[in-house]
């Protein structure tokens, strides 16, 4: 998988995709009891466009091995 900064053309395409509008469209459709269902073709296109602009929020696991001791300080603050 390539790493680094995206090409200018890729960045320009991402800027053209109206991410907020796509999310709003789907939210309104899902939350409105009277909304007509979005057809499969349009829904697939929305998903593909969102995949280009939003990060994938899959769980990430990192494993490391350490020789020796690790000092760990954790501070927990509860907010009202």
N, C-alpha and C. Protein backbone atom coordinates (compact mmCIF):
# COMPACT_ATOMS: atom_id res chain seq x y z
N UNK A 1 0.84 -1.18 0.00
CA UNK A 1 0.00 0.00 0.00
C UNK A 1 0.89 1.24 0.00
N UNK A 2 0.63 2.21 -0.89
CA UNK A 2 1.47 3.41 -0.94
C UNK A 2 1.30 4.25 0.32
N UNK A 3 2.38 4.90 0.70
CA UNK A 3 2.33 5.78 1.86
C UNK A 3 2.82 7.15 1.46
N UNK A 4 2.70 8.10 2.37
CA UNK A 4 3.15 9.46 2.10
C UNK A 4 1.99 10.36 1.76
N UNK A 5 2.28 11.48 1.14
CA UNK A 5 1.23 12.43 0.81
C UNK A 5 0.57 12.04 -0.51
N UNK A 6 -0.74 12.21 -0.59
CA UNK A 6 -1.43 11.85 -1.82
C UNK A 6 -1.06 12.82 -2.96
N UNK A 7 -1.18 12.34 -4.16
CA UNK A 7 -0.91 13.17 -5.34
C UNK A 7 -1.90 14.34 -5.35
N UNK A 8 -1.50 15.42 -6.01
CA UNK A 8 -2.36 16.61 -6.07
C UNK A 8 -3.71 16.28 -6.68
N UNK A 9 -3.73 15.44 -7.71
CA UNK A 9 -5.00 15.09 -8.34
C UNK A 9 -5.90 14.32 -7.39
N UNK A 10 -5.31 13.41 -6.59
CA UNK A 10 -6.10 12.65 -5.61
C UNK A 10 -6.68 13.59 -4.56
N UNK A 11 -5.86 14.52 -4.08
CA UNK A 11 -6.33 15.47 -3.08
C UNK A 11 -7.44 16.35 -3.65
N UNK A 12 -7.31 16.76 -4.90
CA UNK A 12 -8.32 17.60 -5.54
C UNK A 12 -9.65 16.85 -5.66
N UNK A 13 -9.58 15.58 -6.00
CA UNK A 13 -10.80 14.76 -6.11
C UNK A 13 -11.47 14.65 -4.76
N UNK A 14 -10.68 14.42 -3.70
CA UNK A 14 -11.25 14.32 -2.36
C UNK A 14 -11.95 15.61 -1.96
N UNK A 15 -11.39 16.75 -2.36
CA UNK A 15 -12.00 18.03 -2.05
C UNK A 15 -13.33 18.23 -2.79
N UNK A 16 -13.46 17.62 -3.97
CA UNK A 16 -14.68 17.76 -4.76
C UNK A 16 -15.83 16.92 -4.22
N UNK A 17 -15.51 15.85 -3.52
CA UNK A 17 -16.55 14.97 -2.98
C UNK A 17 -17.22 15.68 -1.80
N UNK A 18 -18.51 15.82 -1.85
CA UNK A 18 -19.28 16.53 -0.83
C UNK A 18 -19.63 15.58 0.31
N UNK A 19 -18.65 15.31 1.16
CA UNK A 19 -18.80 14.32 2.22
C UNK A 19 -19.96 14.66 3.15
N UNK A 20 -20.02 15.90 3.63
CA UNK A 20 -21.09 16.29 4.55
C UNK A 20 -22.47 16.12 3.93
N UNK A 21 -22.59 16.48 2.66
CA UNK A 21 -23.88 16.35 1.98
C UNK A 21 -24.29 14.88 1.85
N UNK A 22 -23.33 14.02 1.58
CA UNK A 22 -23.64 12.60 1.46
C UNK A 22 -24.09 12.03 2.80
N UNK A 23 -23.40 12.41 3.86
CA UNK A 23 -23.77 11.93 5.19
C UNK A 23 -25.16 12.45 5.56
N UNK A 24 -25.42 13.72 5.30
CA UNK A 24 -26.73 14.30 5.60
C UNK A 24 -27.83 13.60 4.83
N UNK A 25 -27.60 13.30 3.57
CA UNK A 25 -28.57 12.60 2.74
C UNK A 25 -28.93 11.25 3.34
N UNK A 26 -27.91 10.49 3.73
CA UNK A 26 -28.15 9.16 4.30
C UNK A 26 -28.84 9.28 5.65
N UNK A 27 -28.41 10.22 6.49
CA UNK A 27 -29.03 10.40 7.80
C UNK A 27 -30.50 10.77 7.67
N UNK A 28 -30.81 11.70 6.81
CA UNK A 28 -32.21 12.10 6.62
C UNK A 28 -33.05 10.93 6.15
N UNK A 29 -32.48 10.14 5.26
CA UNK A 29 -33.21 8.99 4.73
C UNK A 29 -33.46 7.95 5.82
N UNK A 30 -32.45 7.70 6.64
CA UNK A 30 -32.58 6.68 7.68
C UNK A 30 -33.50 7.15 8.80
N UNK A 31 -33.41 8.42 9.16
CA UNK A 31 -34.15 8.92 10.31
C UNK A 31 -35.58 9.36 10.01
N UNK A 32 -35.90 9.54 8.75
CA UNK A 32 -37.26 9.97 8.38
C UNK A 32 -38.15 8.76 8.12
N UNK A 33 -39.25 8.65 8.86
CA UNK A 33 -40.14 7.50 8.65
C UNK A 33 -40.85 7.52 7.29
N UNK A 34 -40.93 8.69 6.66
CA UNK A 34 -41.64 8.79 5.38
C UNK A 34 -40.71 8.80 4.17
N UNK A 35 -39.42 8.70 4.39
CA UNK A 35 -38.46 8.77 3.28
C UNK A 35 -38.53 7.51 2.42
N UNK A 36 -38.38 7.72 1.12
CA UNK A 36 -38.30 6.58 0.20
C UNK A 36 -36.93 5.96 0.35
N UNK A 37 -36.82 4.65 0.26
CA UNK A 37 -35.50 4.01 0.36
C UNK A 37 -34.57 4.45 -0.76
N UNK A 38 -33.31 4.57 -0.44
CA UNK A 38 -32.30 4.88 -1.46
C UNK A 38 -32.05 3.60 -2.24
N UNK A 39 -32.04 3.70 -3.58
CA UNK A 39 -31.83 2.48 -4.37
C UNK A 39 -30.40 1.99 -4.20
N UNK A 40 -30.20 0.71 -4.48
CA UNK A 40 -28.92 0.05 -4.24
C UNK A 40 -27.76 0.70 -5.00
N UNK A 41 -28.01 1.11 -6.23
CA UNK A 41 -26.95 1.72 -7.04
C UNK A 41 -26.47 3.02 -6.41
N UNK A 42 -27.42 3.85 -6.01
CA UNK A 42 -27.08 5.13 -5.39
C UNK A 42 -26.39 4.91 -4.04
N UNK A 43 -26.88 3.96 -3.26
CA UNK A 43 -26.29 3.66 -1.97
C UNK A 43 -24.85 3.16 -2.12
N UNK A 44 -24.62 2.32 -3.12
CA UNK A 44 -23.27 1.81 -3.38
C UNK A 44 -22.34 2.96 -3.79
N UNK A 45 -22.82 3.88 -4.61
CA UNK A 45 -22.02 5.02 -5.04
C UNK A 45 -21.67 5.91 -3.85
N UNK A 46 -22.64 6.14 -2.96
CA UNK A 46 -22.39 6.94 -1.76
C UNK A 46 -21.32 6.29 -0.90
N UNK A 47 -21.42 4.97 -0.73
CA UNK A 47 -20.44 4.24 0.08
C UNK A 47 -19.04 4.36 -0.53
N UNK A 48 -18.93 4.21 -1.83
CA UNK A 48 -17.63 4.32 -2.50
C UNK A 48 -17.03 5.72 -2.33
N UNK A 49 -17.86 6.75 -2.46
CA UNK A 49 -17.36 8.12 -2.31
C UNK A 49 -16.93 8.39 -0.87
N UNK A 50 -17.71 7.92 0.10
CA UNK A 50 -17.35 8.12 1.50
C UNK A 50 -16.06 7.38 1.85
N UNK A 51 -15.85 6.22 1.26
CA UNK A 51 -14.62 5.47 1.50
C UNK A 51 -13.38 6.23 1.02
N UNK A 52 -13.56 7.12 0.05
CA UNK A 52 -12.45 7.90 -0.46
C UNK A 52 -12.11 9.10 0.42
N UNK A 53 -13.07 9.54 1.23
CA UNK A 53 -12.85 10.76 2.00
C UNK A 53 -12.80 10.57 3.51
N UNK A 54 -13.40 9.50 4.02
CA UNK A 54 -13.43 9.27 5.47
C UNK A 54 -12.48 8.14 5.84
N UNK A 55 -11.83 8.28 6.99
CA UNK A 55 -10.97 7.18 7.43
C UNK A 55 -11.79 5.97 7.85
N UNK A 56 -11.23 4.81 7.68
CA UNK A 56 -11.88 3.58 8.11
C UNK A 56 -11.67 3.45 9.61
N UNK A 57 -12.73 3.26 10.38
CA UNK A 57 -12.62 3.25 11.83
C UNK A 57 -12.57 1.83 12.39
N UNK A 58 -11.92 0.94 11.69
CA UNK A 58 -11.77 -0.42 12.18
C UNK A 58 -10.84 -0.42 13.39
N UNK A 59 -11.02 -1.41 14.24
CA UNK A 59 -10.16 -1.53 15.42
C UNK A 59 -8.73 -1.76 14.99
N UNK A 60 -7.82 -1.23 15.76
CA UNK A 60 -6.41 -1.34 15.46
C UNK A 60 -5.72 -2.02 16.63
N UNK A 61 -4.91 -3.01 16.35
CA UNK A 61 -4.19 -3.70 17.40
C UNK A 61 -2.71 -3.57 17.11
N UNK A 62 -1.95 -3.23 18.16
CA UNK A 62 -0.52 -3.09 18.01
C UNK A 62 0.15 -3.97 19.06
N UNK A 63 1.09 -4.77 18.63
CA UNK A 63 1.81 -5.65 19.53
C UNK A 63 3.28 -5.27 19.50
N UNK A 64 3.86 -5.13 20.69
CA UNK A 64 5.27 -4.82 20.78
C UNK A 64 5.92 -5.76 21.79
N UNK A 65 7.20 -5.91 21.69
CA UNK A 65 7.90 -6.67 22.70
C UNK A 65 8.93 -5.75 23.34
N UNK A 66 9.03 -5.83 24.67
CA UNK A 66 9.91 -4.94 25.41
C UNK A 66 10.80 -5.77 26.32
N UNK A 67 12.05 -5.47 26.29
CA UNK A 67 12.99 -6.10 27.22
C UNK A 67 13.23 -5.12 28.36
N UNK A 68 12.90 -5.51 29.57
CA UNK A 68 13.10 -4.63 30.72
C UNK A 68 11.79 -4.17 31.30
N UNK A 69 11.84 -3.08 32.08
CA UNK A 69 10.65 -2.56 32.76
C UNK A 69 10.05 -1.41 31.97
N UNK A 70 8.75 -1.24 32.17
CA UNK A 70 8.03 -0.12 31.57
C UNK A 70 7.36 0.65 32.70
N UNK A 71 7.61 1.94 32.78
CA UNK A 71 6.90 2.78 33.74
C UNK A 71 5.64 3.29 33.05
N UNK A 72 4.52 3.10 33.73
CA UNK A 72 3.24 3.50 33.14
C UNK A 72 2.50 4.35 34.15
N UNK A 73 2.19 5.58 33.78
CA UNK A 73 1.41 6.48 34.62
C UNK A 73 0.10 6.78 33.90
N UNK A 74 -1.00 6.52 34.58
CA UNK A 74 -2.32 6.74 33.99
C UNK A 74 -3.09 7.71 34.88
N UNK A 75 -3.65 8.73 34.26
CA UNK A 75 -4.45 9.69 35.00
C UNK A 75 -5.85 9.66 34.40
N UNK A 76 -6.84 9.49 35.27
CA UNK A 76 -8.24 9.42 34.85
C UNK A 76 -8.95 10.63 35.43
N UNK A 77 -9.67 11.36 34.56
CA UNK A 77 -10.43 12.52 35.02
C UNK A 77 -11.86 12.35 34.56
N UNK A 78 -12.79 12.45 35.48
CA UNK A 78 -14.20 12.32 35.17
C UNK A 78 -14.81 13.71 35.01
N UNK A 79 -15.53 13.90 33.96
CA UNK A 79 -16.19 15.18 33.68
C UNK A 79 -17.68 15.05 33.87
N UNK A 80 -18.30 16.10 34.37
CA UNK A 80 -19.76 16.08 34.56
C UNK A 80 -20.46 16.31 33.24
